Amino acid sequence: MAFFLRRLSFYLMALLFAATLNFILPRAMPGDPVTMMFANATAQVTPERIEAMKKLLGFVDAPWYQQYFSYLGNIFTGNWGLSIKYYPITVNELLGSAVGWSLFLTGSAIILAFCIGSVLGIFAAWRRGSTTMPLSPEHAGVQSIPSVVVAMLVLYTFAIGLEWFPSGNAYTVGTQPDWSSWAFYKDVAYHAVLPLLCATVGQIGGFLISMRNNMINLLNEDFITMRKPRG
């Protein structure tokens, strides 16, 4: 219980720190998002409309500490307001529309990484020290490469350079989702290849090392040693 409380306290402090940083940085920069939204249309937008938009998006004229506590209250109550980039869609709607796709990519990547990493780990343990299977924890160092670096390399090579795969979206733009159509599933799978590749590569090393170590421990057990002379 004490361990759970310590971990919970740590994550709450991390969340508070991230929220505070997110509150400070936009206010420390010149200008504000609302002004940037209308930067290319200053001739058509009146100052009164800009002020009304600021109030709608939560940019209130109040002391910083009142803004800060109001901001924290909105975060912890789930009142995240309107999206500035995708106005007038709310942030909750944006996150809700992305949850399903995120779970699909994350779950698929974990399953693929587990299967591939476990099989490679088994062979790495069984053929350890052999030149035909020179896999070791050092060779699994790909997991230390940041996922964003892998994503940039994969995107540039296969989407921009070779143009084998699309560079974005979950399915072809303009397509109406039809979950009863195999053509739509094929389209989704085609768009998911690169994201799945990037998410899977970074996790294979962990499963490989874990399976390799477990297999080596198992192969050194007495019953394995006794069974070898028996054929």
Protein backbone atom coordinates (compact mmCIF):
# COMPACT_ATOMS: atom_id res chain seq x y z
CA MET A 1 0.00 0.00 0.00
CA ALA A 2 2.84 2.38 0.84
CA PHE A 3 4.46 1.64 -2.53
CA PHE A 4 1.17 2.34 -4.32
CA LEU A 5 0.76 5.66 -2.49
CA ARG A 6 4.34 6.68 -3.31
CA ARG A 7 3.82 5.92 -7.00
CA LEU A 8 0.49 7.73 -7.03
CA SER A 9 2.06 10.77 -5.36
CA PHE A 10 4.86 10.76 -7.90
CA TYR A 11 2.47 10.71 -10.86
CA LEU A 12 0.28 13.41 -9.34
CA MET A 13 3.33 15.64 -8.82
CA ALA A 14 4.45 14.97 -12.40
CA LEU A 15 0.98 15.88 -13.67
CA LEU A 16 0.95 19.06 -11.57
CA PHE A 17 4.40 20.04 -12.84
CA ALA A 18 3.42 19.44 -16.48
CA ALA A 19 0.17 21.39 -16.05
CA THR A 20 2.01 24.29 -14.41
CA LEU A 21 4.57 24.37 -17.19
CA ASN A 22 1.80 24.31 -19.77
CA PHE A 23 0.16 27.23 -17.98
CA ILE A 24 3.34 29.34 -17.78
CA LEU A 25 4.86 28.89 -21.24
CA PRO A 26 2.00 30.31 -23.38
CA ARG A 27 1.69 33.31 -21.07
CA ALA A 28 5.43 33.95 -21.12
CA MET A 29 5.45 34.13 -24.93
CA PRO A 30 4.46 37.26 -26.84
CA GLY A 31 0.93 37.43 -28.18
CA ASP A 32 -1.81 34.86 -27.60
CA PRO A 33 -3.44 32.04 -29.61
CA VAL A 34 -6.58 34.05 -30.39
CA THR A 35 -4.57 36.84 -32.01
CA MET A 36 -2.69 34.20 -34.02
CA MET A 37 -5.99 32.71 -35.20
CA PHE A 38 -6.99 36.02 -36.75
CA ALA A 39 -3.50 37.12 -37.80
CA ASN A 40 -4.32 36.79 -41.49
CA ALA A 41 -7.75 38.40 -41.19
CA THR A 42 -7.12 41.52 -39.11
CA ALA A 43 -9.00 43.70 -41.59
CA GLN A 44 -12.25 41.75 -41.21
CA VAL A 45 -12.15 41.08 -37.45
CA THR A 46 -12.97 43.83 -34.98
CA PRO A 47 -11.21 44.14 -31.60
CA GLU A 48 -14.55 43.50 -29.91
CA ARG A 49 -14.89 40.15 -31.66
CA ILE A 50 -11.33 39.20 -30.69
CA GLU A 51 -12.09 40.01 -27.04
CA ALA A 52 -15.29 37.96 -27.20
CA MET A 53 -13.35 35.04 -28.66
CA LYS A 54 -10.75 35.31 -25.87
CA LYS A 55 -13.46 35.06 -23.25
CA LEU A 56 -15.04 32.11 -25.07
CA LEU A 57 -11.71 30.26 -25.08
CA GLY A 58 -11.01 31.05 -21.43
CA PHE A 59 -8.53 33.93 -21.72
CA VAL A 60 -9.98 35.97 -18.89
CA ASP A 61 -8.61 39.26 -17.62
CA ALA A 62 -7.83 38.27 -14.02
CA PRO A 63 -4.80 37.99 -11.71
CA TRP A 64 -2.48 35.16 -12.66
CA TYR A 65 -3.18 33.13 -9.52
CA GLN A 66 -6.93 33.18 -10.21
CA GLN A 67 -6.27 32.07 -13.78
CA TYR A 68 -3.96 29.31 -12.51
CA PHE A 69 -6.41 27.82 -10.02
CA SER A 70 -9.23 28.09 -12.54
CA TYR A 71 -6.99 26.33 -15.07
CA LEU A 72 -6.17 23.51 -12.63
CA GLY A 73 -9.83 23.14 -11.70
CA ASN A 74 -10.81 22.76 -15.35
CA ILE A 75 -8.08 20.15 -15.91
CA PHE A 76 -9.08 17.94 -12.99
CA THR A 77 -12.80 18.23 -13.78
CA GLY A 78 -12.39 17.42 -17.47
CA ASN A 79 -13.60 20.82 -18.64
CA TRP A 80 -10.92 21.34 -21.31
CA GLY A 81 -12.82 23.84 -23.41
CA LEU A 82 -12.67 24.45 -27.15
CA SER A 83 -9.81 23.52 -29.44
CA ILE A 84 -7.97 26.55 -30.80
CA LYS A 85 -6.64 24.67 -33.83
CA TYR A 86 -9.89 22.84 -34.67
CA TYR A 87 -12.38 25.45 -33.44
CA PRO A 88 -15.30 25.04 -32.71
CA ILE A 89 -14.66 21.36 -31.81
CA THR A 90 -14.08 20.76 -28.10
CA VAL A 91 -10.89 19.15 -26.79
CA ASN A 92 -12.98 16.33 -25.25
CA GLU A 93 -14.44 15.52 -28.68
CA LEU A 94 -10.98 15.48 -30.27
CA LEU A 95 -9.60 13.15 -27.61
CA GLY A 96 -12.68 10.94 -27.77
CA SER A 97 -12.36 10.52 -31.53
CA ALA A 98 -8.69 9.54 -31.17
CA VAL A 99 -9.01 7.09 -28.26
CA GLY A 100 -10.17 4.17 -30.41
CA TRP A 101 -7.38 4.56 -32.95
CA SER A 102 -4.78 4.98 -30.20
CA LEU A 103 -5.92 1.80 -28.47
CA PHE A 104 -5.87 -0.03 -31.81
CA LEU A 105 -2.30 1.03 -32.62
CA THR A 106 -0.99 0.55 -29.09
CA GLY A 107 -2.62 -2.84 -28.57
CA SER A 108 -1.57 -4.14 -32.00
CA ALA A 109 2.00 -2.92 -31.50
CA ILE A 110 2.29 -4.62 -28.09
CA ILE A 111 0.95 -7.92 -29.46
CA LEU A 112 3.29 -7.85 -32.47
CA ALA A 113 6.30 -6.82 -30.39
CA PHE A 114 5.55 -9.57 -27.85
CA CYS A 115 5.27 -12.27 -30.51
CA ILE A 116 8.33 -11.20 -32.50
CA GLY A 117 10.45 -10.43 -29.45
CA SER A 118 9.54 -13.66 -27.69
CA VAL A 119 10.38 -15.83 -30.72
CA LEU A 120 13.69 -14.02 -31.26
CA GLY A 121 14.45 -14.29 -27.53
CA ILE A 122 13.87 -18.05 -27.57
CA PHE A 123 16.23 -18.52 -30.51
CA ALA A 124 18.77 -16.13 -28.98
CA ALA A 125 18.84 -18.21 -25.79
CA TRP A 126 18.88 -21.56 -27.55
CA ARG A 127 21.69 -20.52 -29.93
CA ARG A 128 23.57 -18.30 -27.50
CA GLY A 129 27.26 -18.04 -28.36
CA SER A 130 26.60 -19.30 -31.87
CA THR A 131 27.52 -17.31 -34.97
CA THR A 132 24.28 -18.40 -36.62
CA MET A 133 22.17 -16.57 -34.04
CA PRO A 134 24.31 -13.74 -32.65
CA LEU A 135 21.51 -12.04 -30.79
CA SER A 136 22.32 -10.57 -27.41
CA PRO A 137 21.12 -7.67 -25.27
CA GLU A 138 23.65 -5.46 -27.03
CA HIS A 139 22.08 -6.29 -30.40
CA ALA A 140 18.66 -5.28 -29.06
CA GLY A 141 19.87 -1.71 -28.51
CA VAL A 142 17.33 -0.49 -31.04
CA GLN A 143 14.91 -0.08 -28.13
CA SER A 144 17.06 2.83 -26.88
CA ILE A 145 16.43 4.78 -30.09
CA PRO A 146 13.66 7.36 -29.47
CA SER A 147 10.43 6.46 -31.21
CA VAL A 148 10.22 9.90 -32.77
CA VAL A 149 13.57 9.31 -34.52
CA VAL A 150 12.40 5.96 -35.86
CA ALA A 151 9.14 7.56 -37.00
CA MET A 152 10.94 10.35 -38.86
CA LEU A 153 13.26 7.90 -40.65
CA VAL A 154 10.42 5.55 -41.57
CA LEU A 155 8.16 8.40 -42.71
CA TYR A 156 10.85 10.01 -44.83
CA THR A 157 11.96 6.71 -46.40
CA PHE A 158 8.70 4.87 -47.10
CA ALA A 159 6.11 7.67 -47.29
CA ILE A 160 7.97 10.65 -48.75
CA GLY A 161 10.93 9.06 -50.54
CA LEU A 162 9.58 5.79 -51.94
CA GLU A 163 5.88 6.79 -51.64
CA TRP A 164 4.92 3.22 -50.78
CA PHE A 165 2.61 4.22 -47.92
CA PRO A 166 0.52 7.27 -46.96
CA SER A 167 2.07 9.85 -44.66
CA GLY A 168 -0.98 10.41 -42.45
CA ASN A 169 -4.62 9.72 -41.56
CA ALA A 170 -6.26 6.51 -40.45
CA TYR A 171 -7.89 5.94 -43.85
CA THR A 172 -8.15 7.64 -47.21
CA VAL A 173 -9.39 11.21 -46.96
CA GLY A 174 -12.99 11.50 -48.09
CA THR A 175 -13.81 7.87 -47.38
CA GLN A 176 -16.89 7.19 -45.31
CA PRO A 177 -16.13 4.59 -42.60
CA ASP A 178 -17.94 1.36 -43.42
CA TRP A 179 -17.17 -1.30 -40.81
CA SER A 180 -19.02 -3.93 -42.83
CA SER A 181 -16.75 -3.51 -45.85
CA TRP A 182 -13.50 -5.46 -46.28
CA ALA A 183 -12.25 -2.71 -48.57
CA PHE A 184 -12.41 -0.25 -45.67
CA TYR A 185 -10.50 -2.66 -43.39
CA LYS A 186 -7.82 -3.05 -46.08
CA ASP A 187 -7.59 0.73 -46.36
CA VAL A 188 -7.19 1.09 -42.57
CA ALA A 189 -4.55 -1.67 -42.49
CA TYR A 190 -2.66 0.00 -45.34
CA HIS A 191 -2.59 3.31 -43.46
CA ALA A 192 -1.61 1.56 -40.21
CA VAL A 193 1.54 -0.13 -41.56
CA LEU A 194 3.98 2.69 -40.84
CA PRO A 195 2.58 3.67 -37.40
CA LEU A 196 2.55 0.01 -36.35
CA LEU A 197 6.10 -0.47 -37.60
CA CYS A 198 7.36 2.50 -35.59
CA ALA A 199 5.48 1.52 -32.44
CA THR A 200 6.54 -2.14 -32.68
CA VAL A 201 10.25 -1.70 -33.36
CA GLY A 202 10.88 0.19 -30.13
CA GLN A 203 9.29 -2.54 -28.00
CA ILE A 204 10.77 -5.70 -29.52
CA GLY A 205 14.08 -5.34 -27.66
CA GLY A 206 12.47 -5.42 -24.23
CA PHE A 207 10.51 -8.62 -24.93
CA LEU A 208 13.56 -10.18 -26.61
CA ILE A 209 15.84 -9.58 -23.63
CA SER A 210 13.23 -10.72 -21.13
CA MET A 211 12.50 -13.96 -23.01
CA ARG A 212 16.20 -14.64 -23.63
CA ASN A 213 17.08 -14.29 -19.94
CA ASN A 214 14.15 -16.45 -18.85
CA MET A 215 15.05 -19.14 -21.38
CA ILE A 216 18.71 -19.16 -20.33
CA ASN A 217 17.68 -19.63 -16.71
CA LEU A 218 15.33 -22.42 -17.74
CA LEU A 219 17.96 -24.19 -19.86
CA ASN A 220 20.31 -24.25 -16.87
CA GLU A 221 17.80 -26.07 -14.67
CA ASP A 222 18.76 -29.50 -13.36
CA PHE A 223 15.94 -31.35 -15.11
CA ILE A 224 17.16 -30.01 -18.47
CA THR A 225 20.70 -31.17 -17.68
CA MET A 226 19.43 -34.60 -16.71
CA ARG A 227 17.31 -34.96 -19.84
CA LYS A 228 20.17 -34.14 -22.25
CA PRO A 229 22.15 -37.39 -21.56
CA ARG A 230 18.92 -39.31 -22.06
CA GLY A 231 18.55 -37.77 -25.52
